[in-house]
PDB file of N, CA and C in Angstrom:
ATOM      1  N   MET A   1      -7.069 -21.318  -4.253  1.00  0.00           N
ATOM      2  CA  MET A   1      -6.684 -19.934  -4.067  1.00  0.00           C
ATOM      3  C   MET A   1      -5.509 -19.875  -3.093  1.00  0.00           C
ATOM      4  N   SER A   2      -4.514 -19.110  -3.427  1.00  0.00           N
ATOM      5  CA  SER A   2      -3.321 -18.985  -2.600  1.00  0.00           C
ATOM      6  C   SER A   2      -3.405 -17.742  -1.727  1.00  0.00           C
ATOM      7  N   ASN A   3      -2.979 -17.859  -0.474  1.00  0.00           N
ATOM      8  CA  ASN A   3      -2.954 -16.722   0.439  1.00  0.00           C
ATOM      9  C   ASN A   3      -1.518 -16.268   0.688  1.00  0.00           C
ATOM     10  N   LYS A   4      -0.678 -16.350  -0.324  1.00  0.00           N
ATOM     11  CA  LYS A   4       0.727 -16.013  -0.174  1.00  0.00           C
ATOM     12  C   LYS A   4       0.906 -14.508  -0.038  1.00  0.00           C
ATOM     13  N   THR A   5       1.786 -14.120   0.859  1.00  0.00           N
ATOM     14  CA  THR A   5       2.145 -12.720   1.037  1.00  0.00           C
ATOM     15  C   THR A   5       3.469 -12.479   0.341  1.00  0.00           C
ATOM     16  N   VAL A   6       3.516 -11.451  -0.482  1.00  0.00           N
ATOM     17  CA  VAL A   6       4.755 -11.082  -1.161  1.00  0.00           C
ATOM     18  C   VAL A   6       5.513 -10.134  -0.246  1.00  0.00           C
ATOM     19  N   THR A   7       6.773 -10.475   0.018  1.00  0.00           N
ATOM     20  CA  THR A   7       7.575  -9.684   0.936  1.00  0.00           C
ATOM     21  C   THR A   7       8.502  -8.738   0.190  1.00  0.00           C
ATOM     22  N   ARG A   8       9.078  -7.828   0.933  1.00  0.00           N
ATOM     23  CA  ARG A   8      10.048  -6.867   0.400  1.00  0.00           C
ATOM     24  C   ARG A   8      11.240  -7.608  -0.227  1.00  0.00           C
ATOM     25  N   VAL A   9      11.689  -8.668   0.414  1.00  0.00           N
ATOM     26  CA  VAL A   9      12.821  -9.458  -0.094  1.00  0.00           C
ATOM     27  C   VAL A   9      12.460 -10.107  -1.433  1.00  0.00           C
ATOM     28  N   GLU A  10      11.247 -10.620  -1.541  1.00  0.00           N
ATOM     29  CA  GLU A  10      10.822 -11.247  -2.796  1.00  0.00           C
ATOM     30  C   GLU A  10      10.731 -10.232  -3.928  1.00  0.00           C
ATOM     31  N   ILE A  11      10.271  -9.037  -3.625  1.00  0.00           N
ATOM     32  CA  ILE A  11      10.234  -7.982  -4.645  1.00  0.00           C
ATOM     33  C   ILE A  11      11.654  -7.620  -5.067  1.00  0.00           C
ATOM     34  N   SER A  12      12.537  -7.484  -4.098  1.00  0.00           N
ATOM     35  CA  SER A  12      13.931  -7.169  -4.385  1.00  0.00           C
ATOM     36  C   SER A  12      14.573  -8.269  -5.233  1.00  0.00           C
ATOM     37  N   ASP A  13      14.311  -9.527  -4.910  1.00  0.00           N
ATOM     38  CA  ASP A  13      14.840 -10.644  -5.697  1.00  0.00           C
ATOM     39  C   ASP A  13      14.302 -10.632  -7.123  1.00  0.00           C
ATOM     40  N   ALA A  14      13.036 -10.252  -7.288  1.00  0.00           N
ATOM     41  CA  ALA A  14      12.458 -10.162  -8.627  1.00  0.00           C
ATOM     42  C   ALA A  14      13.159  -9.073  -9.436  1.00  0.00           C
ATOM     43  N   ILE A  15      13.513  -7.967  -8.791  1.00  0.00           N
ATOM     44  CA  ILE A  15      14.250  -6.907  -9.474  1.00  0.00           C
ATOM     45  C   ILE A  15      15.612  -7.428  -9.916  1.00  0.00           C
ATOM     46  N   VAL A  16      16.269  -8.201  -9.059  1.00  0.00           N
ATOM     47  CA  VAL A  16      17.564  -8.801  -9.407  1.00  0.00           C
ATOM     48  C   VAL A  16      17.420  -9.671 -10.655  1.00  0.00           C
ATOM     49  N   ARG A  17      16.396 -10.538 -10.676  1.00  0.00           N
ATOM     50  CA  ARG A  17      16.183 -11.438 -11.817  1.00  0.00           C
ATOM     51  C   ARG A  17      15.807 -10.700 -13.087  1.00  0.00           C
ATOM     52  N   GLU A  18      14.884  -9.740 -12.979  1.00  0.00           N
ATOM     53  CA  GLU A  18      14.346  -9.065 -14.164  1.00  0.00           C
ATOM     54  C   GLU A  18      15.281  -8.012 -14.739  1.00  0.00           C
ATOM     55  N   VAL A  19      15.968  -7.268 -13.885  1.00  0.00           N
ATOM     56  CA  VAL A  19      16.778  -6.137 -14.330  1.00  0.00           C
ATOM     57  C   VAL A  19      18.266  -6.478 -14.357  1.00  0.00           C
ATOM     58  N   GLY A  20      18.673  -7.389 -13.505  1.00  0.00           N
ATOM     59  CA  GLY A  20      20.067  -7.775 -13.480  1.00  0.00           C
ATOM     60  C   GLY A  20      20.935  -6.952 -12.548  1.00  0.00           C
ATOM     61  N   LEU A  21      20.321  -6.210 -11.651  1.00  0.00           N
ATOM     62  CA  LEU A  21      21.086  -5.454 -10.661  1.00  0.00           C
ATOM     63  C   LEU A  21      21.581  -6.400  -9.579  1.00  0.00           C
ATOM     64  N   THR A  22      22.501  -5.919  -8.752  1.00  0.00           N
ATOM     65  CA  THR A  22      22.927  -6.718  -7.609  1.00  0.00           C
ATOM     66  C   THR A  22      21.813  -6.701  -6.567  1.00  0.00           C
ATOM     67  N   ARG A  23      21.898  -7.637  -5.641  1.00  0.00           N
ATOM     68  CA  ARG A  23      20.902  -7.707  -4.569  1.00  0.00           C
ATOM     69  C   ARG A  23      20.909  -6.418  -3.745  1.00  0.00           C
ATOM     70  N   GLN A  24      22.090  -5.889  -3.472  1.00  0.00           N
ATOM     71  CA  GLN A  24      22.227  -4.646  -2.703  1.00  0.00           C
ATOM     72  C   GLN A  24      21.597  -3.477  -3.454  1.00  0.00           C
ATOM     73  N   GLU A  25      21.873  -3.359  -4.749  1.00  0.00           N
ATOM     74  CA  GLU A  25      21.321  -2.258  -5.552  1.00  0.00           C
ATOM     75  C   GLU A  25      19.803  -2.343  -5.635  1.00  0.00           C
ATOM     76  N   SER A  26      19.301  -3.543  -5.854  1.00  0.00           N
ATOM     77  CA  SER A  26      17.843  -3.680  -5.964  1.00  0.00           C
ATOM     78  C   SER A  26      17.162  -3.375  -4.635  1.00  0.00           C
ATOM     79  N   GLY A  27      17.768  -3.787  -3.531  1.00  0.00           N
ATOM     80  CA  GLY A  27      17.212  -3.471  -2.214  1.00  0.00           C
ATOM     81  C   GLY A  27      17.225  -1.982  -1.944  1.00  0.00           C
ATOM     82  N   ASP A  28      18.324  -1.321  -2.327  1.00  0.00           N
ATOM     83  CA  ASP A  28      18.426   0.126  -2.148  1.00  0.00           C
ATOM     84  C   ASP A  28      17.379   0.867  -2.969  1.00  0.00           C
ATOM     85  N   ILE A  29      17.177   0.442  -4.214  1.00  0.00           N
ATOM     86  CA  ILE A  29      16.186   1.089  -5.084  1.00  0.00           C
ATOM     87  C   ILE A  29      14.788   0.893  -4.512  1.00  0.00           C
ATOM     88  N   LEU A  30      14.467  -0.320  -4.106  1.00  0.00           N
ATOM     89  CA  LEU A  30      13.145  -0.584  -3.539  1.00  0.00           C
ATOM     90  C   LEU A  30      12.922   0.246  -2.285  1.00  0.00           C
ATOM     91  N   ASP A  31      13.911   0.294  -1.405  1.00  0.00           N
ATOM     92  CA  ASP A  31      13.796   1.102  -0.191  1.00  0.00           C
ATOM     93  C   ASP A  31      13.570   2.564  -0.525  1.00  0.00           C
ATOM     94  N   ARG A  32      14.281   3.077  -1.512  1.00  0.00           N
ATOM     95  CA  ARG A  32      14.157   4.489  -1.906  1.00  0.00           C
ATOM     96  C   ARG A  32      12.771   4.783  -2.478  1.00  0.00           C
ATOM     97  N   VAL A  33      12.270   3.894  -3.326  1.00  0.00           N
ATOM     98  CA  VAL A  33      10.932   4.082  -3.912  1.00  0.00           C
ATOM     99  C   VAL A  33       9.872   4.089  -2.812  1.00  0.00           C
ATOM    100  N   LEU A  34       9.939   3.124  -1.907  1.00  0.00           N
ATOM    101  CA  LEU A  34       8.958   3.062  -0.824  1.00  0.00           C
ATOM    102  C   LEU A  34       9.071   4.264   0.106  1.00  0.00           C
ATOM    103  N   ASP A  35      10.306   4.727   0.330  1.00  0.00           N
ATOM    104  CA  ASP A  35      10.517   5.919   1.153  1.00  0.00           C
ATOM    105  C   ASP A  35       9.901   7.154   0.497  1.00  0.00           C
ATOM    106  N   LEU A  36      10.090   7.288  -0.813  1.00  0.00           N
ATOM    107  CA  LEU A  36       9.508   8.433  -1.531  1.00  0.00           C
ATOM    108  C   LEU A  36       7.980   8.406  -1.479  1.00  0.00           C
ATOM    109  N   ILE A  37       7.407   7.234  -1.638  1.00  0.00           N
ATOM    110  CA  ILE A  37       5.946   7.112  -1.558  1.00  0.00           C
ATOM    111  C   ILE A  37       5.471   7.486  -0.154  1.00  0.00           C
ATOM    112  N   GLY A  38       6.134   6.956   0.856  1.00  0.00           N
ATOM    113  CA  GLY A  38       5.758   7.254   2.234  1.00  0.00           C
ATOM    114  C   GLY A  38       5.876   8.730   2.564  1.00  0.00           C
ATOM    115  N   LYS A  39       6.971   9.365   2.151  1.00  0.00           N
ATOM    116  CA  LYS A  39       7.170  10.797   2.416  1.00  0.00           C
ATOM    117  C   LYS A  39       6.106  11.639   1.711  1.00  0.00           C
ATOM    118  N   SER A  40       5.766  11.270   0.481  1.00  0.00           N
ATOM    119  CA  SER A  40       4.717  11.998  -0.239  1.00  0.00           C
ATOM    120  C   SER A  40       3.389  11.902   0.493  1.00  0.00           C
ATOM    121  N   LEU A  41       3.069  10.716   0.987  1.00  0.00           N
ATOM    122  CA  LEU A  41       1.807  10.536   1.708  1.00  0.00           C
ATOM    123  C   LEU A  41       1.828  11.261   3.048  1.00  0.00           C
ATOM    124  N   GLU A  42       2.987  11.308   3.711  1.00  0.00           N
ATOM    125  CA  GLU A  42       3.099  12.063   4.966  1.00  0.00           C
ATOM    126  C   GLU A  42       2.759  13.532   4.755  1.00  0.00           C
ATOM    127  N   HIS A  43       3.120  14.053   3.592  1.00  0.00           N
ATOM    128  CA  HIS A  43       2.838  15.451   3.264  1.00  0.00           C
ATOM    129  C   HIS A  43       1.479  15.620   2.584  1.00  0.00           C
ATOM    130  N   GLU A  44       0.658  14.573   2.669  1.00  0.00           N
ATOM    131  CA  GLU A  44      -0.704  14.551   2.132  1.00  0.00           C
ATOM    132  C   GLU A  44      -0.767  14.739   0.628  1.00  0.00           C
ATOM    133  N   ASN A  45       0.273  14.322  -0.070  1.00  0.00           N
ATOM    134  CA  ASN A  45       0.256  14.328  -1.529  1.00  0.00           C
ATOM    135  C   ASN A  45      -0.332  13.010  -2.020  1.00  0.00           C
ATOM    136  N   GLU A  46      -1.058  13.070  -3.116  1.00  0.00           N
ATOM    137  CA  GLU A  46      -1.587  11.863  -3.732  1.00  0.00           C
ATOM    138  C   GLU A  46      -0.459  11.215  -4.535  1.00  0.00           C
ATOM    139  N   VAL A  47      -0.375   9.884  -4.478  1.00  0.00           N
ATOM    140  CA  VAL A  47       0.641   9.154  -5.236  1.00  0.00           C
ATOM    141  C   VAL A  47      -0.076   8.348  -6.310  1.00  0.00           C
ATOM    142  N   LYS A  48       0.238   8.647  -7.577  1.00  0.00           N
ATOM    143  CA  LYS A  48      -0.375   7.958  -8.707  1.00  0.00           C
ATOM    144  C   LYS A  48       0.682   7.117  -9.405  1.00  0.00           C
ATOM    145  N   LEU A  49       0.424   5.807  -9.478  1.00  0.00           N
ATOM    146  CA  LEU A  49       1.323   4.898 -10.170  1.00  0.00           C
ATOM    147  C   LEU A  49       0.572   4.356 -11.387  1.00  0.00           C
ATOM    148  N   SER A  50       0.994   4.791 -12.544  1.00  0.00           N
ATOM    149  CA  SER A  50       0.339   4.420 -13.786  1.00  0.00           C
ATOM    150  C   SER A  50       0.202   2.901 -13.901  1.00  0.00           C
ATOM    151  N   ARG A  51      -0.950   2.450 -14.327  1.00  0.00           N
ATOM    152  CA  ARG A  51      -1.294   1.042 -14.520  1.00  0.00           C
ATOM    153  C   ARG A  51      -1.345   0.242 -13.221  1.00  0.00           C
ATOM    154  N   PHE A  52      -1.206   0.921 -12.066  1.00  0.00           N
ATOM    155  CA  PHE A  52      -1.277   0.233 -10.778  1.00  0.00           C
ATOM    156  C   PHE A  52      -2.408   0.792  -9.930  1.00  0.00           C
ATOM    157  N   GLY A  53      -2.340   2.086  -9.590  1.00  0.00           N
ATOM    158  CA  GLY A  53      -3.401   2.685  -8.794  1.00  0.00           C
ATOM    159  C   GLY A  53      -2.952   3.952  -8.107  1.00  0.00           C
ATOM    160  N   ASN A  54      -3.836   4.495  -7.278  1.00  0.00           N
ATOM    161  CA  ASN A  54      -3.585   5.749  -6.577  1.00  0.00           C
ATOM    162  C   ASN A  54      -3.666   5.548  -5.067  1.00  0.00           C
ATOM    163  N   PHE A  55      -2.707   6.149  -4.364  1.00  0.00           N
ATOM    164  CA  PHE A  55      -2.721   6.195  -2.915  1.00  0.00           C
ATOM    165  C   PHE A  55      -3.121   7.608  -2.521  1.00  0.00           C
ATOM    166  N   VAL A  56      -4.102   7.735  -1.638  1.00  0.00           N
ATOM    167  CA  VAL A  56      -4.617   9.041  -1.242  1.00  0.00           C
ATOM    168  C   VAL A  56      -4.726   9.087   0.279  1.00  0.00           C
ATOM    169  N   VAL A  57      -4.350  10.235   0.872  1.00  0.00           N
ATOM    170  CA  VAL A  57      -4.513  10.429   2.309  1.00  0.00           C
ATOM    171  C   VAL A  57      -5.881  11.068   2.533  1.00  0.00           C
ATOM    172  N   ARG A  58      -6.684  10.437   3.387  1.00  0.00           N
ATOM    173  CA  ARG A  58      -7.993  10.974   3.738  1.00  0.00           C
ATOM    174  C   ARG A  58      -7.990  11.367   5.201  1.00  0.00           C
ATOM    175  N   LYS A  59      -8.721  12.412   5.514  1.00  0.00           N
ATOM    176  CA  LYS A  59      -8.885  12.829   6.907  1.00  0.00           C
ATOM    177  C   LYS A  59     -10.214  12.287   7.411  1.00  0.00           C
ATOM    178  N   LYS A  60     -10.162  11.598   8.549  1.00  0.00           N
ATOM    179  CA  LYS A  60     -11.374  11.076   9.169  1.00  0.00           C
ATOM    180  C   LYS A  60     -11.668  11.900  10.408  1.00  0.00           C
ATOM    181  N   ALA A  61     -12.889  12.284  10.545  1.00  0.00           N
ATOM    182  CA  ALA A  61     -13.308  13.099  11.685  1.00  0.00           C
ATOM    183  C   ALA A  61     -13.422  12.246  12.947  1.00  0.00           C
ATOM    184  N   ALA A  62     -13.356  12.908  14.091  1.00  0.00           N
ATOM    185  CA  ALA A  62     -13.560  12.219  15.367  1.00  0.00           C
ATOM    186  C   ALA A  62     -15.003  11.704  15.409  1.00  0.00           C
ATOM    187  N   ARG A  63     -15.173  10.581  16.096  1.00  0.00           N
ATOM    188  CA  ARG A  63     -16.522  10.019  16.188  1.00  0.00           C
ATOM    189  C   ARG A  63     -16.630   9.134  17.414  1.00  0.00           C
ATOM    190  N   ALA A  64     -17.863   8.811  17.744  1.00  0.00           N
ATOM    191  CA  ALA A  64     -18.106   7.896  18.865  1.00  0.00           C
ATOM    192  C   ALA A  64     -18.046   6.476  18.329  1.00  0.00           C
ATOM    193  N   GLY A  65     -17.407   5.601  19.071  1.00  0.00           N
ATOM    194  CA  GLY A  65     -17.318   4.199  18.685  1.00  0.00           C
ATOM    195  C   GLY A  65     -17.736   3.324  19.847  1.00  0.00           C
ATOM    196  N   ARG A  66     -17.653   2.024  19.641  1.00  0.00           N
ATOM    197  CA  ARG A  66     -18.060   1.097  20.689  1.00  0.00           C
ATOM    198  C   ARG A  66     -17.133  -0.114  20.651  1.00  0.00           C
ATOM    199  N   ASN A  67     -16.675  -0.528  21.838  1.00  0.00           N
ATOM    200  CA  ASN A  67     -15.867  -1.733  21.948  1.00  0.00           C
ATOM    201  C   ASN A  67     -16.776  -2.922  21.644  1.00  0.00           C
ATOM    202  N   PRO A  68     -16.458  -3.711  20.614  1.00  0.00           N
ATOM    203  CA  PRO A  68     -17.364  -4.804  20.246  1.00  0.00           C
ATOM    204  C   PRO A  68     -17.469  -5.905  21.307  1.00  0.00           C
ATOM    205  N   LYS A  69     -16.442  -6.072  22.129  1.00  0.00           N
ATOM    206  CA  LYS A  69     -16.489  -7.111  23.167  1.00  0.00           C
ATOM    207  C   LYS A  69     -17.333  -6.689  24.359  1.00  0.00           C
ATOM    208  N   THR A  70     -17.114  -5.450  24.810  1.00  0.00           N
ATOM    209  CA  THR A  70     -17.786  -5.014  26.040  1.00  0.00           C
ATOM    210  C   THR A  70     -19.003  -4.133  25.786  1.00  0.00           C
ATOM    211  N   GLY A  71     -19.076  -3.531  24.628  1.00  0.00           N
ATOM    212  CA  GLY A  71     -20.179  -2.623  24.327  1.00  0.00           C
ATOM    213  C   GLY A  71     -19.987  -1.229  24.901  1.00  0.00           C
ATOM    214  N   VAL A  72     -18.840  -0.994  25.543  1.00  0.00           N
ATOM    215  CA  VAL A  72     -18.567   0.303  26.151  1.00  0.00           C
ATOM    216  C   VAL A  72     -18.244   1.319  25.054  1.00  0.00           C
ATOM    217  N   GLU A  73     -18.883   2.486  25.154  1.00  0.00           N
ATOM    218  CA  GLU A  73     -18.623   3.530  24.163  1.00  0.00           C
ATOM    219  C   GLU A  73     -17.263   4.164  24.405  1.00  0.00           C
ATOM    220  N   ALA A  74     -16.622   4.560  23.300  1.00  0.00           N
ATOM    221  CA  ALA A  74     -15.314   5.205  23.377  1.00  0.00           C
ATOM    222  C   ALA A  74     -15.224   6.228  22.264  1.00  0.00           C
ATOM    223  N   LYS A  75     -14.453   7.284  22.516  1.00  0.00           N
ATOM    224  CA  LYS A  75     -14.273   8.303  21.488  1.00  0.00           C
ATOM    225  C   LYS A  75     -13.115   7.884  20.585  1.00  0.00           C
ATOM    226  N   ILE A  76     -13.359   7.915  19.284  1.00  0.00           N
ATOM    227  CA  ILE A  76     -12.318   7.632  18.300  1.00  0.00           C
ATOM    228  C   ILE A  76     -11.846   8.976  17.785  1.00  0.00           C
ATOM    229  N   SER A  77     -10.570   9.256  17.966  1.00  0.00           N
ATOM    230  CA  SER A  77     -10.040  10.576  17.615  1.00  0.00           C
ATOM    231  C   SER A  77      -9.928  10.760  16.101  1.00  0.00           C
ATOM    232  N   ALA A  78      -9.844  12.014  15.691  1.00  0.00           N
ATOM    233  CA  ALA A  78      -9.646  12.339  14.275  1.00  0.00           C
ATOM    234  C   ALA A  78      -8.284  11.812  13.857  1.00  0.00           C
ATOM    235  N   ARG A  79      -8.193  11.375  12.617  1.00  0.00           N
ATOM    236  CA  ARG A  79      -6.927  10.828  12.140  1.00  0.00           C
ATOM    237  C   ARG A  79      -6.861  10.890  10.620  1.00  0.00           C
ATOM    238  N   ARG A  80      -5.663  10.625  10.124  1.00  0.00           N
ATOM    239  CA  ARG A  80      -5.460  10.539   8.676  1.00  0.00           C
ATOM    240  C   ARG A  80      -5.226   9.074   8.328  1.00  0.00           C
ATOM    241  N   VAL A  81      -5.799   8.642   7.220  1.00  0.00           N
ATOM    242  CA  VAL A  81      -5.624   7.260   6.766  1.00  0.00           C
ATOM    243  C   VAL A  81      -5.245   7.258   5.292  1.00  0.00           C
ATOM    244  N   VAL A  82      -4.538   6.230   4.884  1.00  0.00           N
ATOM    245  CA  VAL A  82      -4.165   6.073   3.485  1.00  0.00           C
ATOM    246  C   VAL A  82      -5.155   5.119   2.835  1.00  0.00           C
ATOM    247  N   THR A  83      -5.696   5.526   1.704  1.00  0.00           N
ATOM    248  CA  THR A  83      -6.580   4.648   0.945  1.00  0.00           C
ATOM    249  C   THR A  83      -5.917   4.343  -0.395  1.00  0.00           C
ATOM    250  N   PHE A  84      -6.289   3.228  -0.982  1.00  0.00           N
ATOM    251  CA  PHE A  84      -5.743   2.818  -2.266  1.00  0.00           C
ATOM    252  C   PHE A  84      -6.886   2.538  -3.215  1.00  0.00           C
ATOM    253  N   LYS A  85      -6.796   3.106  -4.414  1.00  0.00           N
ATOM    254  CA  LYS A  85      -7.784   2.833  -5.450  1.00  0.00           C
ATOM    255  C   LYS A  85      -7.047   2.215  -6.632  1.00  0.00           C
ATOM    256  N   PRO A  86      -7.313   0.948  -6.923  1.00  0.00           N
ATOM    257  CA  PRO A  86      -6.606   0.292  -8.015  1.00  0.00           C
ATOM    258  C   PRO A  86      -7.007   0.852  -9.377  1.00  0.00           C
ATOM    259  N   SER A  87      -6.067   0.779 -10.319  1.00  0.00           N
ATOM    260  CA  SER A  87      -6.355   1.222 -11.685  1.00  0.00           C
ATOM    261  C   SER A  87      -7.282   0.208 -12.346  1.00  0.00           C
ATOM    262  N   PRO A  88      -7.964   0.621 -13.412  1.00  0.00           N
ATOM    263  CA  PRO A  88      -8.804  -0.334 -14.140  1.00  0.00           C
ATOM    264  C   PRO A  88      -8.002  -1.546 -14.646  1.00  0.00           C
ATOM    265  N   LEU A  89      -6.764  -1.331 -15.063  1.00  0.00           N
ATOM    266  CA  LEU A  89      -5.927  -2.443 -15.523  1.00  0.00           C
ATOM    267  C   LEU A  89      -5.673  -3.451 -14.410  1.00  0.00           C
ATOM    268  N   LEU A  90      -5.360  -2.957 -13.206  1.00  0.00           N
ATOM    269  CA  LEU A  90      -5.113  -3.844 -12.074  1.00  0.00           C
ATOM    270  C   LEU A  90      -6.394  -4.567 -11.672  1.00  0.00           C
ATOM    271  N   LYS A  91      -7.507  -3.848 -11.667  1.00  0.00           N
ATOM    272  CA  LYS A  91      -8.790  -4.472 -11.331  1.00  0.00           C
ATOM    273  C   LYS A  91      -9.089  -5.629 -12.275  1.00  0.00           C
ATOM    274  N   THR A  92      -8.905  -5.390 -13.553  1.00  0.00           N
ATOM    275  CA  THR A  92      -9.172  -6.420 -14.561  1.00  0.00           C
ATOM    276  C   THR A  92      -8.245  -7.610 -14.379  1.00  0.00           C
ATOM    277  N   ALA A  93      -6.970  -7.337 -14.140  1.00  0.00           N
ATOM    278  CA  ALA A  93      -5.995  -8.417 -13.955  1.00  0.00           C
ATOM    279  C   ALA A  93      -6.345  -9.270 -12.736  1.00  0.00           C
ATOM    280  N   VAL A  94      -6.767  -8.648 -11.658  1.00  0.00           N
ATOM    281  CA  VAL A  94      -7.110  -9.378 -10.443  1.00  0.00           C
ATOM    282  C   VAL A  94      -8.390 -10.187 -10.640  1.00  0.00           C
ATOM    283  N   GLU A  95      -9.360  -9.598 -11.308  1.00  0.00           N
ATOM    284  CA  GLU A  95     -10.648 -10.267 -11.518  1.00  0.00           C
ATOM    285  C   GLU A  95     -10.522 -11.465 -12.434  1.00  0.00           C
ATOM    286  N   THR A  96      -9.627 -11.420 -13.424  1.00  0.00           N
ATOM    287  CA  THR A  96      -9.552 -12.481 -14.420  1.00  0.00           C
ATOM    288  C   THR A  96      -8.445 -13.480 -14.192  1.00  0.00           C
ATOM    289  N   ASP A  97      -7.587 -13.264 -13.195  1.00  0.00           N
ATOM    290  CA  ASP A  97      -6.467 -14.170 -12.943  1.00  0.00           C
ATOM    291  C   ASP A  97      -7.000 -15.488 -12.399  1.00  0.00           C
ATOM    292  N   ASP A  98      -6.700 -16.589 -13.111  1.00  0.00           N
ATOM    293  CA  ASP A  98      -7.233 -17.905 -12.721  1.00  0.00           C
ATOM    294  C   ASP A  98      -6.214 -18.805 -12.075  1.00  0.00           C
ATOM    295  N   ASP A  99      -4.997 -18.344 -11.826  1.00  0.00           N
ATOM    296  CA  ASP A  99      -3.900 -19.141 -11.242  1.00  0.00           C
ATOM    297  C   ASP A  99      -3.985 -20.557 -11.713  1.00  0.00           C
TER     298      ASP A  99
END
């Protein structure tokens, strides 16, 4: 099993190879797509990418927590978090990929 992390540069290079754009153009497009996704999530919009999955902003309520090292209780403030739910196609691809 490989623990390789795919980077922004590697995605941009793949766009160059697959589409034939320049490195600058592919980097600009990738940056713009990621910026649009981020801005949508900032405004609490759900982002649905067909055949990939959905990004959703959830609101978490304030709660009491505990420092695992010291055991001291601490208040965890309310916050918003991004969750990802993969599409059935992505789930199947990940489950059956045998590298």
